[in-house]
Amino acid sequence: MTIRVLLVDDQPLLRTGFRLILEAEPDITVVGQAGDGKDAQEQTRALLPDVVLMDIRMPGVDGIEATRRIVREAAPSAHVPKVLVLTTFDLDEYIVEALRSGASGFLLKDVPPDELVQAIRVVAAGDAIVAPSVTRRLLDRFATRLPSAYEQAAPARLDRLTERELEVLRLIAKGMSNAEIAAKLVVSETTVKTHVGNVLTKLGLRDRVQAVVLAYETGLITPGAIS
């Protein structure tokens, strides 16, 4: 399968560099480029890329709002592009908001070429590229300053979970893998996968990254809680 990629960045030189890297791969093709979020939304609608490589800081419609629009618009259809956000991090302190908006993960702009390529493959396959433990560290750093879109609604959403599912969500938010959760709870890894699936389905979440974000937003896990 060839992975169709749309490049979104307001700097043409960066887009050109990313294109050269990606088109050297036999299973990736760049189907288009956009210089701002509005153009990205229009090109996503027209070109149906599998992955949108999205910058955050752009004039007009920024990457966060563009991600929100792309994911929301595509949600009812069978083809939902995965958005992989690129950030300088030191400036883009609202990276978690991008994850809330529907991004499947993020990378730093100085990511090595091989990691960029692998990240696109991972996201295209339906997985999140941000490891939960990394997400937790980011939230530890920024949680007290990040605005939450779910501050009122999220606690009620947790009522849908059983006690065991809540426990699994806490462990996911602490950065544990399925194998580590299974060992801690003394259950099989298959059982853990079932619980994780139930958590995501009941809370309307796409992946473990969003589960970690929600756990912080609801106060289920607090910054620095690792025990």
C-alpha atoms as a PDB file:
ATOM      1  CA  MET A   1       0.000   0.000   0.000  1.00  0.00           C
ATOM      2  CA  THR A   2       1.249   3.456  -0.893  1.00  0.00           C
ATOM      3  CA  ILE A   3       0.794   6.053   1.837  1.00  0.00           C
ATOM      4  CA  ARG A   4      -0.556   9.332   0.480  1.00  0.00           C
ATOM      5  CA  VAL A   5       0.816  12.353   2.380  1.00  0.00           C
ATOM      6  CA  LEU A   6      -0.225  16.006   2.399  1.00  0.00           C
ATOM      7  CA  LEU A   7       2.458  18.447   3.619  1.00  0.00           C
ATOM      8  CA  VAL A   8       1.241  21.520   5.515  1.00  0.00           C
ATOM      9  CA  ASP A   9       3.723  24.243   6.505  1.00  0.00           C
ATOM     10  CA  ASP A  10       3.942  27.951   5.817  1.00  0.00           C
ATOM     11  CA  GLN A  11       7.654  27.660   4.968  1.00  0.00           C
ATOM     12  CA  PRO A  12       8.178  26.416   1.374  1.00  0.00           C
ATOM     13  CA  LEU A  13      11.758  25.393   2.092  1.00  0.00           C
ATOM     14  CA  LEU A  14      10.664  23.030   4.855  1.00  0.00           C
ATOM     15  CA  ARG A  15       7.944  21.549   2.667  1.00  0.00           C
ATOM     16  CA  THR A  16      10.505  20.922  -0.063  1.00  0.00           C
ATOM     17  CA  GLY A  17      12.857  19.229   2.370  1.00  0.00           C
ATOM     18  CA  PHE A  18      10.150  16.973   3.754  1.00  0.00           C
ATOM     19  CA  ARG A  19       9.024  16.099   0.238  1.00  0.00           C
ATOM     20  CA  LEU A  20      12.524  15.044  -0.804  1.00  0.00           C
ATOM     21  CA  ILE A  21      12.814  12.802   2.249  1.00  0.00           C
ATOM     22  CA  LEU A  22       9.410  11.188   1.843  1.00  0.00           C
ATOM     23  CA  GLU A  23       9.457  10.635  -1.903  1.00  0.00           C
ATOM     24  CA  ALA A  24      12.699   8.691  -1.579  1.00  0.00           C
ATOM     25  CA  GLU A  25      10.612   5.969   0.067  1.00  0.00           C
ATOM     26  CA  PRO A  26       8.920   3.399  -2.198  1.00  0.00           C
ATOM     27  CA  ASP A  27       5.740   3.221  -0.090  1.00  0.00           C
ATOM     28  CA  ILE A  28       5.140   6.967   0.385  1.00  0.00           C
ATOM     29  CA  THR A  29       3.976   9.596  -2.072  1.00  0.00           C
ATOM     30  CA  VAL A  30       3.376  13.304  -1.460  1.00  0.00           C
ATOM     31  CA  VAL A  31       0.045  14.164  -3.073  1.00  0.00           C
ATOM     32  CA  GLY A  32       0.008  17.851  -2.240  1.00  0.00           C
ATOM     33  CA  GLN A  33       1.273  20.809  -0.231  1.00  0.00           C
ATOM     34  CA  ALA A  34      -0.460  23.602   1.674  1.00  0.00           C
ATOM     35  CA  GLY A  35       0.831  26.790   3.262  1.00  0.00           C
ATOM     36  CA  ASP A  36      -1.909  27.363   5.816  1.00  0.00           C
ATOM     37  CA  GLY A  37      -4.706  25.579   7.641  1.00  0.00           C
ATOM     38  CA  LYS A  38      -7.522  26.684   5.352  1.00  0.00           C
ATOM     39  CA  ASP A  39      -5.693  25.410   2.291  1.00  0.00           C
ATOM     40  CA  ALA A  40      -4.908  22.188   4.164  1.00  0.00           C
ATOM     41  CA  GLN A  41      -8.584  21.579   4.839  1.00  0.00           C
ATOM     42  CA  GLU A  42      -9.491  22.181   1.196  1.00  0.00           C
ATOM     43  CA  GLN A  43      -6.703  19.967  -0.129  1.00  0.00           C
ATOM     44  CA  THR A  44      -7.547  17.200   2.316  1.00  0.00           C
ATOM     45  CA  ARG A  45     -11.101  17.248   1.021  1.00  0.00           C
ATOM     46  CA  ALA A  46      -9.914  17.129  -2.601  1.00  0.00           C
ATOM     47  CA  LEU A  47      -6.921  14.794  -2.402  1.00  0.00           C
ATOM     48  CA  LEU A  48      -7.970  12.359   0.366  1.00  0.00           C
ATOM     49  CA  PRO A  49      -4.477  11.856   1.851  1.00  0.00           C
ATOM     50  CA  ASP A  50      -3.829   9.058   4.324  1.00  0.00           C
ATOM     51  CA  VAL A  51      -1.597  11.265   6.486  1.00  0.00           C
ATOM     52  CA  VAL A  52      -1.494  15.046   6.893  1.00  0.00           C
ATOM     53  CA  LEU A  53       1.872  16.306   8.129  1.00  0.00           C
ATOM     54  CA  MET A  54       0.744  19.466   9.931  1.00  0.00           C
ATOM     55  CA  ASP A  55       2.661  22.470  11.224  1.00  0.00           C
ATOM     56  CA  ILE A  56       1.083  24.280  14.180  1.00  0.00           C
ATOM     57  CA  ARG A  57       2.074  27.913  13.781  1.00  0.00           C
ATOM     58  CA  MET A  58       0.784  29.272  10.479  1.00  0.00           C
ATOM     59  CA  PRO A  59      -0.938  32.506   9.428  1.00  0.00           C
ATOM     60  CA  GLY A  60      -4.721  32.527   9.316  1.00  0.00           C
ATOM     61  CA  VAL A  61      -6.075  29.126  10.313  1.00  0.00           C
ATOM     62  CA  ASP A  62      -3.384  27.486  12.460  1.00  0.00           C
ATOM     63  CA  GLY A  63      -2.556  23.798  12.632  1.00  0.00           C
ATOM     64  CA  ILE A  64      -4.673  23.087  15.702  1.00  0.00           C
ATOM     65  CA  GLU A  65      -7.846  24.506  14.199  1.00  0.00           C
ATOM     66  CA  ALA A  66      -7.071  22.889  10.838  1.00  0.00           C
ATOM     67  CA  THR A  67      -6.649  19.527  12.562  1.00  0.00           C
ATOM     68  CA  ARG A  68      -9.959  19.963  14.359  1.00  0.00           C
ATOM     69  CA  ARG A  69     -11.750  20.807  11.100  1.00  0.00           C
ATOM     70  CA  ILE A  70     -10.157  17.991   9.099  1.00  0.00           C
ATOM     71  CA  VAL A  71     -10.934  15.317  11.666  1.00  0.00           C
ATOM     72  CA  ARG A  72     -14.472  16.588  12.300  1.00  0.00           C
ATOM     73  CA  GLU A  73     -15.289  16.861   8.607  1.00  0.00           C
ATOM     74  CA  ALA A  74     -13.930  13.401   7.785  1.00  0.00           C
ATOM     75  CA  ALA A  75     -15.389  11.607  10.820  1.00  0.00           C
ATOM     76  CA  PRO A  76     -18.682  10.481   9.212  1.00  0.00           C
ATOM     77  CA  SER A  77     -16.872   8.999   6.199  1.00  0.00           C
ATOM     78  CA  ALA A  78     -14.905   5.798   5.794  1.00  0.00           C
ATOM     79  CA  HIS A  79     -11.716   7.703   4.984  1.00  0.00           C
ATOM     80  CA  VAL A  80     -10.407   9.665   7.961  1.00  0.00           C
ATOM     81  CA  PRO A  81      -6.893  11.046   7.387  1.00  0.00           C
ATOM     82  CA  LYS A  82      -4.418  10.812  10.232  1.00  0.00           C
ATOM     83  CA  VAL A  83      -2.893  14.118  11.297  1.00  0.00           C
ATOM     84  CA  LEU A  84       0.720  14.079  12.430  1.00  0.00           C
ATOM     85  CA  VAL A  85       1.675  17.424  13.974  1.00  0.00           C
ATOM     86  CA  LEU A  86       5.124  18.958  13.663  1.00  0.00           C
ATOM     87  CA  THR A  87       6.247  21.392  16.332  1.00  0.00           C
ATOM     88  CA  THR A  88       9.271  23.290  17.555  1.00  0.00           C
ATOM     89  CA  PHE A  89       7.947  22.448  21.059  1.00  0.00           C
ATOM     90  CA  ASP A  90       9.706  25.307  22.828  1.00  0.00           C
ATOM     91  CA  LEU A  91       7.274  27.686  21.150  1.00  0.00           C
ATOM     92  CA  ASP A  92       4.270  25.412  20.667  1.00  0.00           C
ATOM     93  CA  GLU A  93       3.169  24.876  24.238  1.00  0.00           C
ATOM     94  CA  TYR A  94      -0.324  23.997  23.067  1.00  0.00           C
ATOM     95  CA  ILE A  95       0.700  20.688  21.537  1.00  0.00           C
ATOM     96  CA  VAL A  96      -1.709  18.865  23.853  1.00  0.00           C
ATOM     97  CA  GLU A  97      -4.531  20.935  22.392  1.00  0.00           C
ATOM     98  CA  ALA A  98      -3.562  19.518  19.001  1.00  0.00           C
ATOM     99  CA  LEU A  99      -3.968  16.013  20.397  1.00  0.00           C
ATOM    100  CA  ARG A 100      -7.350  16.990  21.801  1.00  0.00           C
ATOM    101  CA  SER A 101      -8.290  18.264  18.375  1.00  0.00           C
ATOM    102  CA  GLY A 102      -7.751  14.847  16.838  1.00  0.00           C
ATOM    103  CA  ALA A 103      -4.080  14.615  15.903  1.00  0.00           C
ATOM    104  CA  SER A 104      -2.634  11.111  16.016  1.00  0.00           C
ATOM    105  CA  GLY A 105       0.648  12.336  17.449  1.00  0.00           C
ATOM    106  CA  PHE A 106       3.452  14.811  17.066  1.00  0.00           C
ATOM    107  CA  LEU A 107       7.104  15.126  16.137  1.00  0.00           C
ATOM    108  CA  LEU A 108       9.755  17.761  16.601  1.00  0.00           C
ATOM    109  CA  LYS A 109      10.737  19.583  13.428  1.00  0.00           C
ATOM    110  CA  ASP A 110      14.343  18.468  13.811  1.00  0.00           C
ATOM    111  CA  VAL A 111      13.325  14.803  13.791  1.00  0.00           C
ATOM    112  CA  PRO A 112      15.833  12.572  11.949  1.00  0.00           C
ATOM    113  CA  PRO A 113      14.596  11.608   8.468  1.00  0.00           C
ATOM    114  CA  ASP A 114      14.290   7.898   9.276  1.00  0.00           C
ATOM    115  CA  GLU A 115      12.138   8.660  12.317  1.00  0.00           C
ATOM    116  CA  LEU A 116       9.896  10.941  10.280  1.00  0.00           C
ATOM    117  CA  VAL A 117       9.355   8.189   7.715  1.00  0.00           C
ATOM    118  CA  GLN A 118       8.658   5.593  10.382  1.00  0.00           C
ATOM    119  CA  ALA A 119       6.252   7.926  12.180  1.00  0.00           C
ATOM    120  CA  ILE A 120       4.219   8.380   9.012  1.00  0.00           C
ATOM    121  CA  ARG A 121       4.006   4.613   8.563  1.00  0.00           C
ATOM    122  CA  VAL A 122       2.946   4.110  12.164  1.00  0.00           C
ATOM    123  CA  VAL A 123       0.243   6.765  11.985  1.00  0.00           C
ATOM    124  CA  ALA A 124      -0.997   5.522   8.613  1.00  0.00           C
ATOM    125  CA  ALA A 125      -1.417   2.079  10.166  1.00  0.00           C
ATOM    126  CA  GLY A 126      -3.795   3.569  12.727  1.00  0.00           C
ATOM    127  CA  ASP A 127      -1.480   3.840  15.714  1.00  0.00           C
ATOM    128  CA  ALA A 128      -0.441   6.894  17.723  1.00  0.00           C
ATOM    129  CA  ILE A 129       3.164   7.980  17.415  1.00  0.00           C
ATOM    130  CA  VAL A 130       3.384   9.630  20.851  1.00  0.00           C
ATOM    131  CA  ALA A 131       4.366   7.138  23.535  1.00  0.00           C
ATOM    132  CA  PRO A 132       2.124   7.494  26.598  1.00  0.00           C
ATOM    133  CA  SER A 133       5.132   7.993  28.872  1.00  0.00           C
ATOM    134  CA  VAL A 134       6.303  10.901  26.711  1.00  0.00           C
ATOM    135  CA  THR A 135       2.798  12.351  26.732  1.00  0.00           C
ATOM    136  CA  ARG A 136       2.759  12.136  30.510  1.00  0.00           C
ATOM    137  CA  ARG A 137       6.047  14.030  30.804  1.00  0.00           C
ATOM    138  CA  LEU A 138       4.731  16.753  28.494  1.00  0.00           C
ATOM    139  CA  LEU A 139       1.593  17.060  30.562  1.00  0.00           C
ATOM    140  CA  ASP A 140       3.622  17.164  33.768  1.00  0.00           C
ATOM    141  CA  ARG A 141       5.411  20.183  32.346  1.00  0.00           C
ATOM    142  CA  PHE A 142       2.452  22.062  30.898  1.00  0.00           C
ATOM    143  CA  ALA A 143      -0.706  20.835  32.646  1.00  0.00           C
ATOM    144  CA  THR A 144      -1.028  23.848  34.946  1.00  0.00           C
ATOM    145  CA  ARG A 145      -0.963  26.245  31.980  1.00  0.00           C
ATOM    146  CA  LEU A 146      -2.942  24.367  29.334  1.00  0.00           C
ATOM    147  CA  PRO A 147      -6.588  25.296  28.825  1.00  0.00           C
ATOM    148  CA  SER A 148      -8.979  22.345  28.866  1.00  0.00           C
ATOM    149  CA  ALA A 149     -11.878  21.931  26.494  1.00  0.00           C
ATOM    150  CA  TYR A 150     -13.321  19.200  28.698  1.00  0.00           C
ATOM    151  CA  GLU A 151     -13.169  20.734  32.172  1.00  0.00           C
ATOM    152  CA  GLN A 152     -16.926  20.589  32.677  1.00  0.00           C
ATOM    153  CA  ALA A 153     -17.903  17.498  30.685  1.00  0.00           C
ATOM    154  CA  ALA A 154     -15.074  15.065  31.323  1.00  0.00           C
ATOM    155  CA  PRO A 155     -15.819  13.915  34.913  1.00  0.00           C
ATOM    156  CA  ALA A 156     -19.285  12.719  33.891  1.00  0.00           C
ATOM    157  CA  ARG A 157     -17.752  10.718  31.058  1.00  0.00           C
ATOM    158  CA  LEU A 158     -15.726   8.663  33.520  1.00  0.00           C
ATOM    159  CA  ASP A 159     -18.931   7.404  35.125  1.00  0.00           C
ATOM    160  CA  ARG A 160     -19.296   5.123  32.118  1.00  0.00           C
ATOM    161  CA  LEU A 161     -16.278   3.060  33.210  1.00  0.00           C
ATOM    162  CA  THR A 162     -16.172   0.138  35.633  1.00  0.00           C
ATOM    163  CA  GLU A 163     -13.759   0.233  38.555  1.00  0.00           C
ATOM    164  CA  ARG A 164     -11.362  -2.061  36.703  1.00  0.00           C
ATOM    165  CA  GLU A 165     -11.531   0.083  33.576  1.00  0.00           C
ATOM    166  CA  LEU A 166     -10.779   3.180  35.657  1.00  0.00           C
ATOM    167  CA  GLU A 167      -7.780   1.387  37.116  1.00  0.00           C
ATOM    168  CA  VAL A 168      -6.564   0.481  33.636  1.00  0.00           C
ATOM    169  CA  LEU A 169      -7.000   4.101  32.515  1.00  0.00           C
ATOM    170  CA  ARG A 170      -4.871   5.288  35.448  1.00  0.00           C
ATOM    171  CA  LEU A 171      -2.120   2.862  34.488  1.00  0.00           C
ATOM    172  CA  ILE A 172      -2.269   3.882  30.830  1.00  0.00           C
ATOM    173  CA  ALA A 173      -1.896   7.502  31.924  1.00  0.00           C
ATOM    174  CA  LYS A 174       1.192   6.571  33.940  1.00  0.00           C
ATOM    175  CA  GLY A 175       2.827   5.359  30.742  1.00  0.00           C
ATOM    176  CA  MET A 176       2.487   1.605  31.250  1.00  0.00           C
ATOM    177  CA  SER A 177       2.351  -0.772  28.309  1.00  0.00           C
ATOM    178  CA  ASN A 178      -0.256  -3.534  28.077  1.00  0.00           C
ATOM    179  CA  ALA A 179       2.310  -6.064  29.272  1.00  0.00           C
ATOM    180  CA  GLU A 180       3.205  -3.941  32.298  1.00  0.00           C
ATOM    181  CA  ILE A 181      -0.457  -3.420  33.166  1.00  0.00           C
ATOM    182  CA  ALA A 182      -1.080  -7.161  32.878  1.00  0.00           C
ATOM    183  CA  ALA A 183       1.787  -7.890  35.257  1.00  0.00           C
ATOM    184  CA  LYS A 184       0.598  -5.319  37.786  1.00  0.00           C
ATOM    185  CA  LEU A 185      -3.018  -6.496  37.755  1.00  0.00           C
ATOM    186  CA  VAL A 186      -2.056 -10.183  37.494  1.00  0.00           C
ATOM    187  CA  VAL A 187      -4.204 -10.765  34.410  1.00  0.00           C
ATOM    188  CA  SER A 188      -3.450 -11.779  30.842  1.00  0.00           C
ATOM    189  CA  GLU A 189      -2.347  -9.247  28.239  1.00  0.00           C
ATOM    190  CA  THR A 190      -5.423 -10.200  26.196  1.00  0.00           C
ATOM    191  CA  THR A 191      -7.628  -9.176  29.111  1.00  0.00           C
ATOM    192  CA  VAL A 192      -5.818  -5.841  29.326  1.00  0.00           C
ATOM    193  CA  LYS A 193      -6.334  -5.249  25.590  1.00  0.00           C
ATOM    194  CA  THR A 194     -10.044  -5.849  26.099  1.00  0.00           C
ATOM    195  CA  HIS A 195     -10.168  -3.340  28.979  1.00  0.00           C
ATOM    196  CA  VAL A 196      -8.230  -0.755  26.954  1.00  0.00           C
ATOM    197  CA  GLY A 197     -10.616  -1.196  24.038  1.00  0.00           C
ATOM    198  CA  ASN A 198     -13.601  -0.759  26.352  1.00  0.00           C
ATOM    199  CA  VAL A 199     -12.105   2.427  27.834  1.00  0.00           C
ATOM    200  CA  LEU A 200     -11.527   3.976  24.414  1.00  0.00           C
ATOM    201  CA  THR A 201     -14.967   2.994  23.144  1.00  0.00           C
ATOM    202  CA  LYS A 202     -16.913   4.172  26.198  1.00  0.00           C
ATOM    203  CA  LEU A 203     -15.097   7.506  26.342  1.00  0.00           C
ATOM    204  CA  GLY A 204     -15.210   8.092  22.598  1.00  0.00           C
ATOM    205  CA  LEU A 205     -11.425   8.265  22.322  1.00  0.00           C
ATOM    206  CA  ARG A 206      -9.335   7.370  19.303  1.00  0.00           C
ATOM    207  CA  ASP A 207      -6.194   6.043  20.966  1.00  0.00           C
ATOM    208  CA  ARG A 208      -4.075   5.827  24.128  1.00  0.00           C
ATOM    209  CA  VAL A 209      -2.727   9.335  23.653  1.00  0.00           C
ATOM    210  CA  GLN A 210      -6.169  10.858  24.001  1.00  0.00           C
ATOM    211  CA  ALA A 211      -6.796   8.578  26.985  1.00  0.00           C
ATOM    212  CA  VAL A 212      -3.741  10.016  28.736  1.00  0.00           C
ATOM    213  CA  VAL A 213      -4.858  13.578  27.998  1.00  0.00           C
ATOM    214  CA  LEU A 214      -8.344  12.878  29.350  1.00  0.00           C
ATOM    215  CA  ALA A 215      -6.947  11.263  32.515  1.00  0.00           C
ATOM    216  CA  TYR A 216      -5.060  14.480  33.278  1.00  0.00           C
ATOM    217  CA  GLU A 217      -7.945  16.748  32.382  1.00  0.00           C
ATOM    218  CA  THR A 218     -10.331  14.961  34.726  1.00  0.00           C
ATOM    219  CA  GLY A 219      -7.872  14.863  37.614  1.00  0.00           C
ATOM    220  CA  LEU A 220      -7.707  11.072  37.500  1.00  0.00           C
ATOM    221  CA  ILE A 221      -3.942  11.569  37.255  1.00  0.00           C
ATOM    222  CA  THR A 222      -2.178  14.705  38.428  1.00  0.00           C
ATOM    223  CA  PRO A 223       1.141  16.143  37.221  1.00  0.00           C
ATOM    224  CA  GLY A 224       4.018  14.247  38.784  1.00  0.00           C
ATOM    225  CA  ALA A 225       1.913  11.251  39.839  1.00  0.00           C
ATOM    226  CA  ILE A 226       3.988   8.237  38.856  1.00  0.00           C
ATOM    227  CA  SER A 227       3.537   5.822  41.739  1.00  0.00           C
END
